[in-house]
Structure formats: C-alpha cells, structure tokens
Amino acid sequence: TPFMLASLGDFAEGMHAIFTYWPAWLLLLFTALVGMSSFICWYTGIDLLGAAKALCLNVTYSAWAVLFTFLFFGGELSQAVVIGCVLVLGGIVFATLLPEHLEKLKQEKLSKA
C-alpha cells in the first residue's frame, strides 16, 4: 500500500508525499475496493454454498496465486507446479462432490430396502 512507501525514507517526508500525491490515493482506493469486493464475494459464497463448501473454495488460493503470477508477472510454470495445482483442485472437487455422492448412494440403498 502507499503507506508502506513512507517507511522507505524519512517518515515525515514520506507521509507528506503520500498525502499530496493523488496517484497514491487512487492506489489506496483501488486496494480498498478490491479488498471489499473480496469479502463480499467470500460471504456471498458462504451464504450460497454453505460453510463447508465455501471453505473448499478458500483452499483454491494457491492455484489462483500460481495463475496470476504466471499471467501478470511472467512466472514460469514448471511441471511440479502444474501437478501441484491439479492435485489441489482435484482434492477440492473430491472433497466437495464425494459427500453428496455418498449421500445419494445411501438414500438409494435405503429406498431399495
């Protein structure tokens, strides 16, 4: 954030630069909007999916970090990183869908008996 820039030199000069430099305010506003939208999406996800499934979405941050690092910073995708992302996402799908599938099988078994 812009406030971190103030700690790089003289604090008073840095704070003056931040409060008089309008792009710093735009960056601060943008950072606040992104953070706010993140929380709105997170709590909407919890409301729509339930806490257990929404928690599975929270674990996807590692795959998103790899993707955004590759897209925005030109990071390299090694075979190990791709395999790790596939394992993480596969585990999330497994953890999310398996309980529902087992519940369906249980209900079918009970209805046949």
N, C-alpha and C. Protein backbone atom coordinates (compact mmCIF):
# COMPACT_ATOMS: atom_id res chain seq x y z
N THR A 1 0.84 -1.18 0.00
CA THR A 1 0.00 0.00 0.00
C THR A 1 0.88 1.24 0.00
N PRO A 2 0.30 2.36 -0.32
CA PRO A 2 1.10 3.59 -0.34
C PRO A 2 1.76 3.91 0.99
N PHE A 3 1.15 3.51 2.11
CA PHE A 3 1.73 3.82 3.41
C PHE A 3 3.04 3.08 3.63
N MET A 4 3.22 1.97 2.97
CA MET A 4 4.48 1.24 3.09
C MET A 4 5.62 2.03 2.47
N LEU A 5 5.31 2.85 1.48
CA LEU A 5 6.35 3.65 0.83
C LEU A 5 6.96 4.66 1.79
N ALA A 6 6.16 5.12 2.75
CA ALA A 6 6.64 6.12 3.69
C ALA A 6 7.75 5.59 4.57
N SER A 7 7.79 4.30 4.78
CA SER A 7 8.80 3.75 5.67
C SER A 7 10.15 3.56 4.97
N LEU A 8 10.23 3.83 3.68
CA LEU A 8 11.48 3.63 2.96
C LEU A 8 12.48 4.75 3.20
N GLY A 9 12.03 5.90 3.57
CA GLY A 9 12.94 7.03 3.81
C GLY A 9 12.53 7.74 5.08
N ASP A 10 12.69 9.04 5.08
CA ASP A 10 12.25 9.85 6.20
C ASP A 10 10.73 9.75 6.31
N PHE A 11 10.24 9.39 7.48
CA PHE A 11 8.82 9.14 7.66
C PHE A 11 7.98 10.37 7.34
N ALA A 12 8.38 11.53 7.86
CA ALA A 12 7.60 12.76 7.65
C ALA A 12 7.53 13.13 6.17
N GLU A 13 8.66 13.03 5.48
CA GLU A 13 8.67 13.33 4.05
C GLU A 13 7.82 12.33 3.28
N GLY A 14 7.92 11.06 3.67
CA GLY A 14 7.15 10.02 3.00
C GLY A 14 5.65 10.22 3.18
N MET A 15 5.23 10.55 4.39
CA MET A 15 3.81 10.78 4.63
C MET A 15 3.33 12.01 3.88
N HIS A 16 4.14 13.04 3.82
CA HIS A 16 3.76 14.24 3.06
C HIS A 16 3.61 13.89 1.58
N ALA A 17 4.52 13.10 1.06
CA ALA A 17 4.45 12.69 -0.34
C ALA A 17 3.19 11.89 -0.62
N ILE A 18 2.84 11.01 0.30
CA ILE A 18 1.65 10.19 0.11
C ILE A 18 0.39 11.03 0.09
N PHE A 19 0.26 11.95 1.05
CA PHE A 19 -0.96 12.71 1.16
C PHE A 19 -1.07 13.83 0.13
N THR A 20 0.00 14.14 -0.57
CA THR A 20 -0.09 15.18 -1.60
C THR A 20 0.00 14.60 -3.01
N TYR A 21 0.22 13.33 -3.14
CA TYR A 21 0.39 12.68 -4.45
C TYR A 21 -0.89 11.90 -4.76
N TRP A 22 -1.69 12.40 -5.71
CA TRP A 22 -3.01 11.80 -5.95
C TRP A 22 -2.97 10.36 -6.47
N PRO A 23 -1.96 9.93 -7.25
CA PRO A 23 -1.97 8.51 -7.63
C PRO A 23 -1.89 7.57 -6.43
N ALA A 24 -1.25 8.02 -5.34
CA ALA A 24 -1.20 7.20 -4.13
C ALA A 24 -2.60 7.02 -3.56
N TRP A 25 -3.40 8.07 -3.61
CA TRP A 25 -4.78 7.97 -3.14
C TRP A 25 -5.60 7.04 -4.03
N LEU A 26 -5.36 7.09 -5.33
CA LEU A 26 -6.06 6.18 -6.23
C LEU A 26 -5.67 4.73 -5.95
N LEU A 27 -4.40 4.49 -5.70
CA LEU A 27 -3.96 3.15 -5.37
C LEU A 27 -4.58 2.67 -4.06
N LEU A 28 -4.64 3.55 -3.08
CA LEU A 28 -5.25 3.20 -1.80
C LEU A 28 -6.75 2.91 -1.99
N LEU A 29 -7.44 3.71 -2.77
CA LEU A 29 -8.85 3.49 -3.04
C LEU A 29 -9.06 2.17 -3.79
N PHE A 30 -8.24 1.91 -4.79
CA PHE A 30 -8.34 0.67 -5.55
C PHE A 30 -8.11 -0.54 -4.66
N THR A 31 -7.10 -0.46 -3.79
CA THR A 31 -6.81 -1.55 -2.86
C THR A 31 -7.99 -1.79 -1.92
N ALA A 32 -8.60 -0.72 -1.44
CA ALA A 32 -9.76 -0.86 -0.55
C ALA A 32 -10.94 -1.49 -1.29
N LEU A 33 -11.18 -1.10 -2.53
CA LEU A 33 -12.30 -1.66 -3.30
C LEU A 33 -12.09 -3.14 -3.61
N VAL A 34 -10.86 -3.51 -3.94
CA VAL A 34 -10.57 -4.92 -4.22
C VAL A 34 -10.75 -5.75 -2.94
N GLY A 35 -10.25 -5.25 -1.83
CA GLY A 35 -10.42 -5.96 -0.57
C GLY A 35 -11.88 -6.09 -0.16
N MET A 36 -12.64 -5.02 -0.34
CA MET A 36 -14.06 -5.04 0.00
C MET A 36 -14.82 -6.02 -0.90
N SER A 37 -14.53 -6.00 -2.20
CA SER A 37 -15.22 -6.92 -3.10
C SER A 37 -14.85 -8.37 -2.79
N SER A 38 -13.64 -8.60 -2.35
CA SER A 38 -13.22 -9.94 -1.97
C SER A 38 -14.05 -10.45 -0.79
N PHE A 39 -14.23 -9.63 0.22
CA PHE A 39 -15.03 -10.04 1.37
C PHE A 39 -16.49 -10.23 0.99
N ILE A 40 -17.03 -9.38 0.14
CA ILE A 40 -18.42 -9.53 -0.30
C ILE A 40 -18.59 -10.86 -1.04
N CYS A 41 -17.66 -11.18 -1.93
CA CYS A 41 -17.73 -12.46 -2.65
C CYS A 41 -17.59 -13.64 -1.70
N TRP A 42 -16.70 -13.53 -0.73
CA TRP A 42 -16.48 -14.62 0.22
C TRP A 42 -17.74 -14.90 1.03
N TYR A 43 -18.34 -13.85 1.59
CA TYR A 43 -19.52 -14.06 2.43
C TYR A 43 -20.74 -14.43 1.59
N THR A 44 -20.82 -13.98 0.36
CA THR A 44 -21.89 -14.43 -0.53
C THR A 44 -21.72 -15.91 -0.84
N GLY A 45 -20.49 -16.34 -1.06
CA GLY A 45 -20.22 -17.76 -1.30
C GLY A 45 -20.61 -18.61 -0.11
N ILE A 46 -20.30 -18.15 1.09
CA ILE A 46 -20.69 -18.89 2.29
C ILE A 46 -22.21 -18.99 2.38
N ASP A 47 -22.89 -17.88 2.07
CA ASP A 47 -24.35 -17.87 2.13
C ASP A 47 -24.97 -18.81 1.09
N LEU A 48 -24.42 -18.82 -0.12
CA LEU A 48 -24.99 -19.63 -1.20
C LEU A 48 -24.62 -21.11 -1.09
N LEU A 49 -23.38 -21.40 -0.72
CA LEU A 49 -22.90 -22.78 -0.74
C LEU A 49 -22.92 -23.48 0.60
N GLY A 50 -22.90 -22.72 1.66
CA GLY A 50 -22.72 -23.30 2.98
C GLY A 50 -21.26 -23.20 3.36
N ALA A 51 -20.99 -23.26 4.63
CA ALA A 51 -19.63 -23.03 5.12
C ALA A 51 -18.65 -24.10 4.66
N ALA A 52 -19.07 -25.36 4.64
CA ALA A 52 -18.14 -26.45 4.29
C ALA A 52 -17.67 -26.34 2.84
N LYS A 53 -18.59 -26.10 1.93
CA LYS A 53 -18.20 -25.98 0.52
C LYS A 53 -17.45 -24.68 0.25
N ALA A 54 -17.84 -23.63 0.92
CA ALA A 54 -17.15 -22.35 0.73
C ALA A 54 -15.71 -22.45 1.23
N LEU A 55 -15.49 -23.23 2.27
CA LEU A 55 -14.13 -23.41 2.77
C LEU A 55 -13.27 -24.11 1.72
N CYS A 56 -13.87 -25.03 0.98
CA CYS A 56 -13.13 -25.68 -0.12
C CYS A 56 -12.70 -24.65 -1.16
N LEU A 57 -13.53 -23.65 -1.41
CA LEU A 57 -13.14 -22.59 -2.34
C LEU A 57 -11.97 -21.78 -1.81
N ASN A 58 -11.91 -21.61 -0.51
CA ASN A 58 -10.83 -20.84 0.09
C ASN A 58 -9.48 -21.48 -0.16
N VAL A 59 -9.45 -22.80 -0.28
CA VAL A 59 -8.20 -23.52 -0.48
C VAL A 59 -7.65 -23.30 -1.89
N THR A 60 -8.48 -22.82 -2.80
CA THR A 60 -8.04 -22.62 -4.18
C THR A 60 -7.07 -21.44 -4.33
N TYR A 61 -6.81 -20.70 -3.25
CA TYR A 61 -5.94 -19.53 -3.36
C TYR A 61 -4.57 -19.89 -3.92
N SER A 62 -4.07 -21.07 -3.60
CA SER A 62 -2.74 -21.44 -4.10
C SER A 62 -2.74 -21.58 -5.62
N ALA A 63 -3.79 -22.16 -6.18
CA ALA A 63 -3.88 -22.28 -7.64
C ALA A 63 -4.06 -20.91 -8.28
N TRP A 64 -4.86 -20.05 -7.66
CA TRP A 64 -5.04 -18.69 -8.19
C TRP A 64 -3.73 -17.91 -8.14
N ALA A 65 -2.97 -18.08 -7.08
CA ALA A 65 -1.68 -17.39 -6.97
C ALA A 65 -0.74 -17.81 -8.08
N VAL A 66 -0.71 -19.09 -8.40
CA VAL A 66 0.13 -19.58 -9.49
C VAL A 66 -0.35 -18.99 -10.82
N LEU A 67 -1.65 -19.02 -11.06
CA LEU A 67 -2.20 -18.49 -12.31
C LEU A 67 -1.90 -17.00 -12.48
N PHE A 68 -2.16 -16.21 -11.44
CA PHE A 68 -1.94 -14.76 -11.55
C PHE A 68 -0.46 -14.41 -11.63
N THR A 69 0.38 -15.19 -10.95
CA THR A 69 1.83 -14.96 -11.08
C THR A 69 2.28 -15.21 -12.50
N PHE A 70 1.74 -16.25 -13.10
CA PHE A 70 2.07 -16.56 -14.49
C PHE A 70 1.56 -15.48 -15.43
N LEU A 71 0.32 -15.04 -15.26
CA LEU A 71 -0.28 -14.06 -16.16
C LEU A 71 0.29 -12.65 -16.02
N PHE A 72 0.43 -12.19 -14.78
CA PHE A 72 0.79 -10.80 -14.56
C PHE A 72 2.29 -10.55 -14.37
N PHE A 73 3.01 -11.53 -13.88
CA PHE A 73 4.42 -11.32 -13.58
C PHE A 73 5.36 -12.17 -14.41
N GLY A 74 4.80 -12.95 -15.33
CA GLY A 74 5.63 -13.77 -16.20
C GLY A 74 6.31 -14.93 -15.50
N GLY A 75 5.70 -15.41 -14.44
CA GLY A 75 6.27 -16.55 -13.71
C GLY A 75 6.29 -17.79 -14.60
N GLU A 76 7.20 -18.68 -14.27
CA GLU A 76 7.31 -19.90 -15.06
C GLU A 76 6.48 -21.01 -14.44
N LEU A 77 5.87 -21.80 -15.30
CA LEU A 77 5.10 -22.95 -14.85
C LEU A 77 5.94 -24.20 -15.02
N SER A 78 6.43 -24.72 -13.94
CA SER A 78 7.17 -25.97 -14.01
C SER A 78 6.19 -27.13 -13.94
N GLN A 79 6.68 -28.29 -14.26
CA GLN A 79 5.84 -29.48 -14.22
C GLN A 79 5.35 -29.74 -12.79
N ALA A 80 6.21 -29.54 -11.82
CA ALA A 80 5.84 -29.76 -10.42
C ALA A 80 4.73 -28.81 -9.98
N VAL A 81 4.79 -27.55 -10.42
CA VAL A 81 3.78 -26.56 -10.05
C VAL A 81 2.44 -26.94 -10.67
N VAL A 82 2.44 -27.33 -11.94
CA VAL A 82 1.20 -27.72 -12.61
C VAL A 82 0.61 -28.96 -11.94
N ILE A 83 1.44 -29.94 -11.63
CA ILE A 83 0.95 -31.15 -10.96
C ILE A 83 0.39 -30.79 -9.58
N GLY A 84 1.06 -29.90 -8.86
CA GLY A 84 0.57 -29.47 -7.56
C GLY A 84 -0.79 -28.79 -7.66
N CYS A 85 -0.96 -27.91 -8.65
CA CYS A 85 -2.25 -27.24 -8.83
C CYS A 85 -3.35 -28.23 -9.18
N VAL A 86 -3.03 -29.19 -10.04
CA VAL A 86 -4.02 -30.21 -10.40
C VAL A 86 -4.40 -31.04 -9.17
N LEU A 87 -3.43 -31.38 -8.34
CA LEU A 87 -3.73 -32.14 -7.13
C LEU A 87 -4.60 -31.33 -6.16
N VAL A 88 -4.29 -30.05 -6.00
CA VAL A 88 -5.08 -29.20 -5.11
C VAL A 88 -6.52 -29.10 -5.63
N LEU A 89 -6.67 -28.79 -6.90
CA LEU A 89 -8.01 -28.65 -7.46
C LEU A 89 -8.75 -29.98 -7.46
N GLY A 90 -8.06 -31.07 -7.75
CA GLY A 90 -8.69 -32.39 -7.69
C GLY A 90 -9.14 -32.74 -6.29
N GLY A 91 -8.34 -32.41 -5.31
CA GLY A 91 -8.73 -32.65 -3.92
C GLY A 91 -9.94 -31.84 -3.52
N ILE A 92 -10.03 -30.62 -4.02
CA ILE A 92 -11.19 -29.78 -3.71
C ILE A 92 -12.45 -30.38 -4.34
N VAL A 93 -12.36 -30.80 -5.59
CA VAL A 93 -13.51 -31.42 -6.26
C VAL A 93 -13.90 -32.69 -5.50
N PHE A 94 -12.92 -33.49 -5.14
CA PHE A 94 -13.17 -34.73 -4.41
C PHE A 94 -13.85 -34.44 -3.07
N ALA A 95 -13.34 -33.48 -2.33
CA ALA A 95 -13.89 -33.16 -1.01
C ALA A 95 -15.28 -32.54 -1.11
N THR A 96 -15.56 -31.86 -2.20
CA THR A 96 -16.84 -31.20 -2.36
C THR A 96 -17.92 -32.15 -2.88
N LEU A 97 -17.57 -32.96 -3.86
CA LEU A 97 -18.57 -33.80 -4.51
C LEU A 97 -18.75 -35.17 -3.86
N LEU A 98 -17.74 -35.72 -3.24
CA LEU A 98 -17.84 -37.06 -2.67
C LEU A 98 -18.92 -37.17 -1.60
N PRO A 99 -19.02 -36.26 -0.64
CA PRO A 99 -20.08 -36.40 0.37
C PRO A 99 -21.48 -36.41 -0.25
N GLU A 100 -21.71 -35.58 -1.27
CA GLU A 100 -23.02 -35.58 -1.94
C GLU A 100 -23.27 -36.91 -2.62
N HIS A 101 -22.28 -37.44 -3.30
CA HIS A 101 -22.43 -38.71 -3.99
C HIS A 101 -22.70 -39.85 -3.00
N LEU A 102 -21.98 -39.86 -1.89
CA LEU A 102 -22.19 -40.88 -0.88
C LEU A 102 -23.59 -40.78 -0.26
N GLU A 103 -24.06 -39.56 -0.08
CA GLU A 103 -25.41 -39.37 0.47
C GLU A 103 -26.46 -39.89 -0.51
N LYS A 104 -26.28 -39.65 -1.81
CA LYS A 104 -27.21 -40.17 -2.82
C LYS A 104 -27.22 -41.69 -2.80
N LEU A 105 -26.04 -42.30 -2.75
CA LEU A 105 -25.97 -43.75 -2.70
C LEU A 105 -26.65 -44.31 -1.47
N LYS A 106 -26.48 -43.65 -0.35
CA LYS A 106 -27.11 -44.07 0.89
C LYS A 106 -28.62 -44.00 0.79
N GLN A 107 -29.13 -42.90 0.20
CA GLN A 107 -30.58 -42.74 0.04
C GLN A 107 -31.13 -43.80 -0.91
N GLU A 108 -30.42 -44.09 -2.00
CA GLU A 108 -30.87 -45.11 -2.95
C GLU A 108 -30.91 -46.48 -2.28
N LYS A 109 -29.90 -46.76 -1.48
CA LYS A 109 -29.83 -48.05 -0.79
C LYS A 109 -30.99 -48.19 0.21
N LEU A 110 -31.28 -47.10 0.90
CA LEU A 110 -32.38 -47.13 1.87
C LEU A 110 -33.73 -47.27 1.18
N SER A 111 -33.88 -46.65 0.02
CA SER A 111 -35.17 -46.72 -0.68
C SER A 111 -35.40 -48.10 -1.29
N LYS A 112 -34.34 -48.82 -1.63
CA LYS A 112 -34.47 -50.16 -2.19
C LYS A 112 -34.78 -51.20 -1.10
N ALA A 113 -34.38 -50.90 0.10
CA ALA A 113 -34.55 -51.88 1.19
C ALA A 113 -35.94 -51.89 1.75
